[in-house]
Amino acid sequence: MCGLFGIIGEYSPSKAREALKRLAHRGRDHCGIIEEERLFLAHQRLSITDAHHRSHQPMKRGNIVISFNGEIYNHAALRERLGSRIWETSSDTEVILAAYETWGIECVEHLEGMFAFALIDGDKCYLVRDRFGKKPLFYHQGKEAFVFASEIKAIKPFLSSVRMNNEALHSYLSFLAPTPPHTFYEGIEKLESGEWLCFERGTITKHCYYDLLNSPASMITDGDEALRRIEEELHRSVSMRLDTRAPMAALLSGGLDSAMICAIASAQGKKLPVFTLGYNEYGAYDERANAVITAKYLGLDHTEVIISQNDFDEHLDDLLIHMDEPLNDPAALPLYLLMKKISSQGYKVV
């Protein structure tokens, strides 16, 4: 998880830096800033691929500059496709820049991963979000500037007034979360999944580059072939995500999904340390017993994280600050506490 933040237009340097501080928790390894006339672009880095300082962001190549949050899982394959060139890093960020130089903004069609990035090319600023919206990206078009960030809290200082967006409330009551492009704040919108936006000289244009409903229908009619294809894709997907030098752990509930992922990783030679969440007072929701059996069977180092009602009370305010807007997910706070524990053990990737 990294954090990106930018302003195109008139801005106060001190106000911009104060807003950037609100994203410090997203990247503890480095804070990079490009500060020019009518452009402020910053990046809070959590280094995963190529932790060397040569891969710090914002990253610039010629007139093109990028601030990128996420991981491109097929970056090694893309390096081969992009042919012989002088590579200055082994990062996936540089691969995005090279892909853009080759294919333009259509480079997003070639990226496999979870990502949100801002790419500036002359007068054009592209904001891009991955196919399923795994990485967030918000923006605000004001009278004097266009502001974007990984979290709403960094954009709020640039609103002339803070008002609730009723459209977001309607979608929340239907879907338990505000649906894009709406947020609960009038004037702040979120990029939709599978979409890129271009801001150029005060004008915003949007383009949907991926829609699941418009994807080709599967022609598989045989059950055995379907199972084989699913297994192949699972092994390929896990393998791509294991290709990192950063410390990596895994979640292990008592369910099938996490057990299957850990089993596939083990089969590929990665015995991931696993973490299981348990509840002191709520045995019906506690899956530790099943998780212990799975961890023992796979030979995995297993850590249990136990939370109680007191933990809910103590950490609820912190969670609400991080959430930015309502999200009806009862597992949000338990997962927040679980991730804090995993992070405290030195892991950056789960």
Protein backbone atom coordinates (compact mmCIF):
# COMPACT_ATOMS: atom_id res chain seq x y z
CA MET A 1 0.00 0.00 0.00
CA CYS A 2 1.36 3.36 -1.08
CA GLY A 3 -0.24 6.78 -1.11
CA LEU A 4 -0.40 9.23 -3.99
CA PHE A 5 -1.38 12.88 -3.82
CA GLY A 6 -1.37 15.66 -6.37
CA ILE A 7 -2.54 19.16 -7.22
CA ILE A 8 -2.71 20.68 -10.70
CA GLY A 9 -3.32 24.41 -10.61
CA GLU A 10 -2.86 27.09 -7.99
CA TYR A 11 -1.87 25.85 -4.55
CA SER A 12 -0.26 26.78 -1.27
CA PRO A 13 2.90 24.69 -0.67
CA SER A 14 2.34 24.63 3.09
CA LYS A 15 -1.29 23.55 2.72
CA ALA A 16 -0.29 20.86 0.21
CA ARG A 17 2.31 19.42 2.58
CA GLU A 18 -0.15 19.44 5.48
CA ALA A 19 -2.65 17.51 3.38
CA LEU A 20 0.07 15.05 2.35
CA LYS A 21 0.80 14.27 6.01
CA ARG A 22 -2.64 12.68 6.24
CA LEU A 23 -1.37 9.89 3.97
CA ALA A 24 1.88 9.21 5.85
CA HIS A 25 0.54 5.90 7.22
CA ARG A 26 0.25 4.50 3.69
CA GLY A 27 3.99 4.42 3.04
CA ARG A 28 6.61 4.46 5.77
CA ASP A 29 9.65 3.88 3.55
CA HIS A 30 9.94 7.17 1.68
CA CYS A 31 8.11 10.39 0.87
CA GLY A 32 8.86 11.91 -2.52
CA ILE A 33 7.64 15.30 -3.70
CA ILE A 34 7.75 17.17 -7.01
CA GLU A 35 6.93 20.81 -6.38
CA GLU A 36 6.65 23.09 -9.40
CA GLU A 37 4.54 25.99 -10.59
CA ARG A 38 0.95 24.71 -10.87
CA LEU A 39 2.03 21.15 -10.04
CA PHE A 40 2.42 19.38 -6.71
CA LEU A 41 2.88 15.61 -6.98
CA ALA A 42 3.80 13.44 -4.01
CA HIS A 43 4.16 9.79 -3.09
CA GLN A 44 4.25 7.91 0.23
CA ARG A 45 6.09 4.71 -0.54
CA LEU A 46 5.78 1.25 0.93
CA SER A 47 8.53 -0.47 -1.04
CA ILE A 48 7.68 -3.96 -2.30
CA THR A 49 9.27 -4.42 -5.74
CA ASP A 50 12.86 -3.13 -5.89
CA ALA A 51 13.22 -1.49 -2.47
CA HIS A 52 16.30 0.46 -3.67
CA HIS A 53 16.12 4.27 -3.60
CA ARG A 54 16.45 4.27 -7.40
CA SER A 55 12.79 3.20 -7.48
CA HIS A 56 11.50 6.01 -5.27
CA GLN A 57 8.50 7.91 -6.54
CA PRO A 58 7.29 10.10 -8.13
CA MET A 59 9.33 8.54 -10.93
CA LYS A 60 10.24 10.62 -13.95
CA ARG A 61 11.36 9.64 -17.43
CA GLY A 62 11.75 12.55 -19.81
CA ASN A 63 8.56 14.63 -19.67
CA ILE A 64 6.50 11.81 -18.14
CA VAL A 65 6.09 11.43 -14.38
CA ILE A 66 4.13 8.85 -12.38
CA SER A 67 2.96 8.20 -8.83
CA PHE A 68 1.77 4.60 -8.53
CA ASN A 69 0.11 2.57 -5.79
CA GLY A 70 -0.13 -1.19 -6.17
CA GLU A 71 1.63 -4.10 -7.82
CA ILE A 72 1.88 -5.15 -11.46
CA TYR A 73 2.14 -8.93 -11.29
CA ASN A 74 3.18 -9.42 -14.92
CA HIS A 75 5.89 -6.73 -14.92
CA ALA A 76 8.66 -9.26 -15.69
CA ALA A 77 6.80 -10.57 -18.74
CA LEU A 78 6.10 -7.02 -19.89
CA ARG A 79 9.82 -6.20 -19.70
CA GLU A 80 10.45 -8.94 -22.26
CA ARG A 81 7.62 -7.76 -24.50
CA LEU A 82 8.86 -4.17 -24.40
CA GLY A 83 12.16 -5.31 -25.89
CA SER A 84 15.71 -4.18 -25.39
CA ARG A 85 16.07 -0.85 -23.66
CA ILE A 86 18.12 0.57 -20.84
CA TRP A 87 16.30 -0.28 -17.62
CA GLU A 88 17.32 1.85 -14.66
CA THR A 89 15.43 -0.15 -12.00
CA SER A 90 13.83 -3.56 -11.48
CA SER A 91 10.57 -1.95 -10.35
CA ASP A 92 7.11 -2.40 -11.81
CA THR A 93 6.73 1.40 -11.75
CA GLU A 94 9.33 1.80 -14.48
CA VAL A 95 7.55 -0.88 -16.51
CA ILE A 96 4.35 1.21 -16.47
CA LEU A 97 6.31 4.21 -17.77
CA ALA A 98 7.87 2.12 -20.54
CA ALA A 99 4.49 0.63 -21.42
CA TYR A 100 2.98 4.12 -21.65
CA GLU A 101 5.83 5.26 -23.93
CA THR A 102 5.06 2.28 -26.19
CA TRP A 103 1.26 2.04 -26.16
CA GLY A 104 0.06 5.35 -24.71
CA ILE A 105 -2.75 5.23 -22.17
CA GLU A 106 -3.87 1.95 -23.78
CA CYS A 107 -1.00 0.44 -21.77
CA VAL A 108 -3.58 -0.27 -19.05
CA GLU A 109 -4.91 -3.08 -21.27
CA HIS A 110 -1.61 -4.90 -20.75
CA LEU A 111 -1.34 -4.56 -16.95
CA GLU A 112 -2.22 -7.46 -14.67
CA GLY A 113 -2.38 -6.42 -11.05
CA MET A 114 -3.94 -4.13 -8.51
CA PHE A 115 -3.17 -0.50 -9.16
CA ALA A 116 -4.10 3.14 -9.01
CA PHE A 117 -1.76 5.69 -10.51
CA ALA A 118 -1.47 9.28 -11.65
CA LEU A 119 0.58 9.81 -14.79
CA ILE A 120 1.38 13.29 -16.06
CA ASP A 121 2.42 13.83 -19.66
CA GLY A 122 2.70 17.51 -20.50
CA ASP A 123 -0.71 19.14 -20.08
CA LYS A 124 -2.41 15.79 -19.59
CA CYS A 125 -2.93 14.15 -16.20
CA TYR A 126 -4.22 10.57 -16.31
CA LEU A 127 -5.78 8.92 -13.26
CA VAL A 128 -6.12 5.15 -13.65
CA ARG A 129 -7.75 2.46 -11.52
CA ASP A 130 -7.45 -1.33 -11.90
CA ARG A 131 -10.14 -3.54 -13.39
CA PHE A 132 -11.89 -4.40 -10.13
CA GLY A 133 -11.14 -1.25 -8.15
CA LYS A 134 -8.88 -2.89 -5.58
CA LYS A 135 -6.86 0.30 -5.15
CA PRO A 136 -8.68 3.56 -4.35
CA LEU A 137 -8.36 6.93 -6.07
CA PHE A 138 -10.36 10.09 -5.34
CA TYR A 139 -10.43 13.53 -6.97
CA HIS A 140 -11.91 17.03 -6.67
CA GLN A 141 -12.17 19.70 -9.35
CA GLY A 142 -12.23 23.12 -7.72
CA LYS A 143 -12.14 26.62 -9.13
CA GLU A 144 -8.38 26.97 -8.79
CA ALA A 145 -7.05 23.41 -8.86
CA PHE A 146 -7.63 19.74 -9.61
CA VAL A 147 -6.76 17.65 -6.54
CA PHE A 148 -6.44 13.84 -6.30
CA ALA A 149 -5.38 11.40 -3.59
CA SER A 150 -5.52 7.82 -2.38
CA GLU A 151 -7.78 8.83 0.51
CA ILE A 152 -10.57 11.34 0.97
CA LYS A 153 -8.99 12.87 4.07
CA ALA A 154 -6.20 14.43 1.98
CA ILE A 155 -8.71 16.18 -0.30
CA LYS A 156 -11.11 17.51 2.34
CA PRO A 157 -8.97 20.61 3.14
CA PHE A 158 -9.52 21.81 -0.44
CA LEU A 159 -13.33 21.84 -0.26
CA SER A 160 -14.91 25.28 0.05
CA SER A 161 -17.54 23.69 2.32
CA VAL A 162 -18.19 20.21 3.66
CA ARG A 163 -21.62 18.88 2.69
CA MET A 164 -23.10 15.40 2.49
CA ASN A 165 -23.79 13.92 -0.92
CA ASN A 166 -27.31 12.48 -0.81
CA GLU A 167 -26.65 10.26 -3.83
CA ALA A 168 -23.99 8.45 -1.80
CA LEU A 169 -26.47 7.92 1.02
CA HIS A 170 -28.99 6.37 -1.37
CA SER A 171 -26.43 3.92 -2.76
CA TYR A 172 -25.20 3.12 0.75
CA LEU A 173 -28.71 2.17 1.85
CA SER A 174 -28.99 -0.14 -1.18
CA PHE A 175 -25.50 -1.62 -1.41
CA LEU A 176 -23.97 -1.00 2.07
CA ALA A 177 -21.31 1.26 0.53
CA PRO A 178 -21.35 4.41 -1.64
CA THR A 179 -21.04 3.42 -5.29
CA PRO A 180 -18.63 5.23 -7.66
CA PRO A 181 -18.37 7.96 -8.68
CA HIS A 182 -20.10 9.07 -5.48
CA THR A 183 -18.55 9.63 -2.06
CA PHE A 184 -20.33 11.00 1.00
CA TYR A 185 -18.74 14.40 0.30
CA GLU A 186 -20.16 16.79 -2.26
CA GLY A 187 -17.35 17.73 -4.60
CA ILE A 188 -15.21 14.61 -4.04
CA GLU A 189 -15.62 11.74 -6.48
CA LYS A 190 -13.95 8.36 -6.80
CA LEU A 191 -12.63 6.82 -9.97
CA GLU A 192 -14.62 3.77 -11.00
CA SER A 193 -13.07 0.33 -11.38
CA GLY A 194 -11.74 -0.33 -14.88
CA GLU A 195 -11.71 3.39 -15.68
CA TRP A 196 -9.18 6.05 -16.56
CA LEU A 197 -9.67 9.79 -16.38
CA CYS A 198 -7.83 12.52 -18.27
CA PHE A 199 -7.64 16.04 -16.87
CA GLU A 200 -6.39 18.51 -19.47
CA ARG A 201 -6.61 22.30 -19.24
CA GLY A 202 -9.58 22.30 -16.90
CA THR A 203 -11.57 19.58 -18.68
CA ILE A 204 -12.19 16.03 -17.44
CA THR A 205 -12.82 13.13 -19.81
CA LYS A 206 -13.41 9.54 -18.68
CA HIS A 207 -13.01 6.19 -20.40
CA CYS A 208 -14.10 2.72 -19.26
CA TYR A 209 -11.40 0.32 -20.44
CA TYR A 210 -12.79 -2.78 -18.71
CA ASP A 211 -16.31 -3.96 -17.88
CA LEU A 212 -16.88 -7.49 -16.68
CA LEU A 213 -20.32 -7.58 -18.31
CA ASN A 214 -18.76 -6.77 -21.69
CA SER A 215 -16.13 -9.52 -21.45
CA PRO A 216 -16.38 -12.50 -23.82
CA ALA A 217 -18.58 -15.25 -22.47
CA SER A 218 -16.91 -18.51 -21.48
CA MET A 219 -17.35 -21.30 -24.01
CA ILE A 220 -16.54 -24.04 -21.50
CA THR A 221 -19.34 -26.60 -21.30
CA ASP A 222 -17.47 -29.55 -19.81
CA GLY A 223 -17.24 -29.77 -16.00
CA ASP A 224 -13.83 -31.44 -15.95
CA GLU A 225 -12.37 -28.81 -18.27
CA ALA A 226 -13.80 -26.05 -16.07
CA LEU A 227 -12.15 -27.53 -12.97
CA ARG A 228 -8.84 -27.91 -14.79
CA ARG A 229 -8.91 -24.31 -16.04
CA ILE A 230 -9.81 -22.96 -12.61
CA GLU A 231 -6.96 -24.89 -11.00
CA GLU A 232 -4.51 -23.66 -13.64
CA GLU A 233 -5.54 -20.05 -13.09
CA LEU A 234 -5.34 -20.38 -9.31
CA HIS A 235 -1.80 -21.75 -9.50
CA ARG A 236 -0.79 -19.04 -12.01
CA SER A 237 -2.33 -16.27 -9.91
CA VAL A 238 -0.70 -17.39 -6.66
CA SER A 239 2.65 -17.83 -8.37
CA MET A 240 2.57 -14.27 -9.75
CA ARG A 241 1.80 -12.83 -6.31
CA LEU A 242 4.57 -14.81 -4.61
CA ASP A 243 7.18 -13.22 -6.88
CA THR A 244 8.40 -10.58 -4.44
CA ARG A 245 11.38 -10.10 -2.15
CA ALA A 246 9.36 -8.34 0.54
CA PRO A 247 8.44 -10.33 3.66
CA MET A 248 5.12 -12.08 3.00
CA ALA A 249 2.53 -13.69 5.26
CA ALA A 250 -0.94 -15.14 4.69
CA LEU A 251 -4.31 -15.09 6.37
CA LEU A 252 -5.68 -18.45 7.45
CA SER A 253 -9.26 -18.70 8.58
CA GLY A 254 -11.00 -22.03 9.06
CA GLY A 255 -12.50 -21.78 5.59
CA LEU A 256 -11.74 -23.26 2.19
CA ASP A 257 -10.47 -20.16 0.35
CA SER A 258 -7.52 -19.28 2.56
CA ALA A 259 -6.61 -22.94 3.08
CA MET A 260 -6.52 -23.47 -0.68
CA ILE A 261 -4.30 -20.43 -1.27
CA CYS A 262 -1.86 -21.52 1.45
CA ALA A 263 -1.83 -25.07 0.06
CA ILE A 264 -1.04 -23.84 -3.46
CA ALA A 265 1.73 -21.59 -2.12
CA SER A 266 3.18 -24.56 -0.21
CA ALA A 267 3.07 -26.70 -3.34
CA GLN A 268 5.09 -23.97 -5.07
CA GLY A 269 7.74 -24.05 -2.34
CA LYS A 270 6.54 -21.07 -0.26
CA LYS A 271 5.67 -22.04 3.31
CA LEU A 272 4.05 -18.76 4.28
CA PRO A 273 3.69 -17.84 7.95
CA VAL A 274 -0.05 -17.65 8.64
CA PHE A 275 -2.19 -15.56 10.98
CA THR A 276 -5.65 -16.44 12.30
CA LEU A 277 -8.13 -14.14 14.01
CA GLY A 278 -9.98 -15.37 17.10
CA TYR A 279 -12.66 -13.91 19.37
CA ASN A 280 -12.66 -14.22 23.13
CA GLU A 281 -16.41 -13.94 23.72
CA TYR A 282 -17.85 -15.07 20.38
CA GLY A 283 -17.19 -18.76 19.84
CA ALA A 284 -19.68 -19.04 16.98
CA TYR A 285 -17.44 -16.78 14.85
CA ASP A 286 -14.15 -18.32 15.97
CA GLU A 287 -12.48 -20.57 13.37
CA ARG A 288 -9.18 -21.13 15.16
CA ALA A 289 -9.70 -24.87 15.64
CA ASN A 290 -10.03 -25.51 11.90
CA ALA A 291 -7.13 -23.16 11.12
CA VAL A 292 -4.86 -25.07 13.51
CA ILE A 293 -5.61 -28.31 11.67
CA THR A 294 -4.84 -26.73 8.28
CA ALA A 295 -1.61 -25.10 9.48
CA LYS A 296 -0.40 -28.35 11.02
CA TYR A 297 -1.24 -30.35 7.89
CA LEU A 298 0.64 -27.88 5.65
CA GLY A 299 3.52 -27.43 8.13
CA LEU A 300 3.07 -23.67 8.47
CA ASP A 301 4.22 -21.33 11.23
CA HIS A 302 0.91 -20.29 12.80
CA THR A 303 0.06 -17.24 14.92
CA GLU A 304 -3.30 -16.63 16.58
CA VAL A 305 -4.49 -13.07 17.17
CA ILE A 306 -7.23 -12.86 19.80
CA ILE A 307 -9.48 -9.83 20.17
CA SER A 308 -12.17 -8.96 22.69
CA GLN A 309 -14.98 -6.47 23.16
CA ASN A 310 -12.51 -4.10 24.85
CA ASP A 311 -10.43 -4.06 21.64
CA PHE A 312 -13.49 -2.92 19.69
CA ASP A 313 -14.11 -0.07 22.10
CA GLU A 314 -10.47 0.99 22.20
CA HIS A 315 -9.81 1.07 18.45
CA LEU A 316 -13.15 2.05 16.92
CA ASP A 317 -12.31 5.77 16.62
CA ASP A 318 -9.01 5.01 14.86
CA LEU A 319 -10.80 2.75 12.39
CA LEU A 320 -13.42 5.38 11.56
CA ILE A 321 -10.66 7.89 10.78
CA HIS A 322 -9.06 5.46 8.35
CA MET A 323 -12.36 4.53 6.68
CA ASP A 324 -13.14 8.14 5.64
CA GLU A 325 -16.80 7.29 4.98
CA PRO A 326 -19.36 4.67 6.11
CA LEU A 327 -18.81 1.05 5.06
CA ASN A 328 -21.18 -1.58 6.41
CA ASP A 329 -18.67 -4.37 6.97
CA PRO A 330 -18.73 -5.91 10.46
CA ALA A 331 -15.34 -7.51 9.81
CA ALA A 332 -13.64 -4.15 9.21
CA LEU A 333 -12.43 -3.61 12.76
CA PRO A 334 -11.29 -7.22 13.40
CA LEU A 335 -9.33 -7.13 10.13
CA TYR A 336 -7.84 -3.75 11.05
CA LEU A 337 -6.53 -5.21 14.33
CA LEU A 338 -5.29 -8.35 12.58
CA MET A 339 -3.35 -6.31 10.01
CA LYS A 340 -1.81 -4.14 12.72
CA LYS A 341 -0.51 -7.30 14.38
CA ILE A 342 0.88 -8.70 11.12
CA SER A 343 2.55 -5.38 10.29
CA SER A 344 4.13 -5.24 13.75
CA GLN A 345 5.80 -8.57 12.94
CA GLY A 346 7.59 -6.97 9.98
CA TYR A 347 5.42 -8.14 7.08
CA LYS A 348 4.55 -5.80 4.23
CA VAL A 349 2.62 -8.22 2.01
CA VAL A 350 -0.29 -10.49 2.97
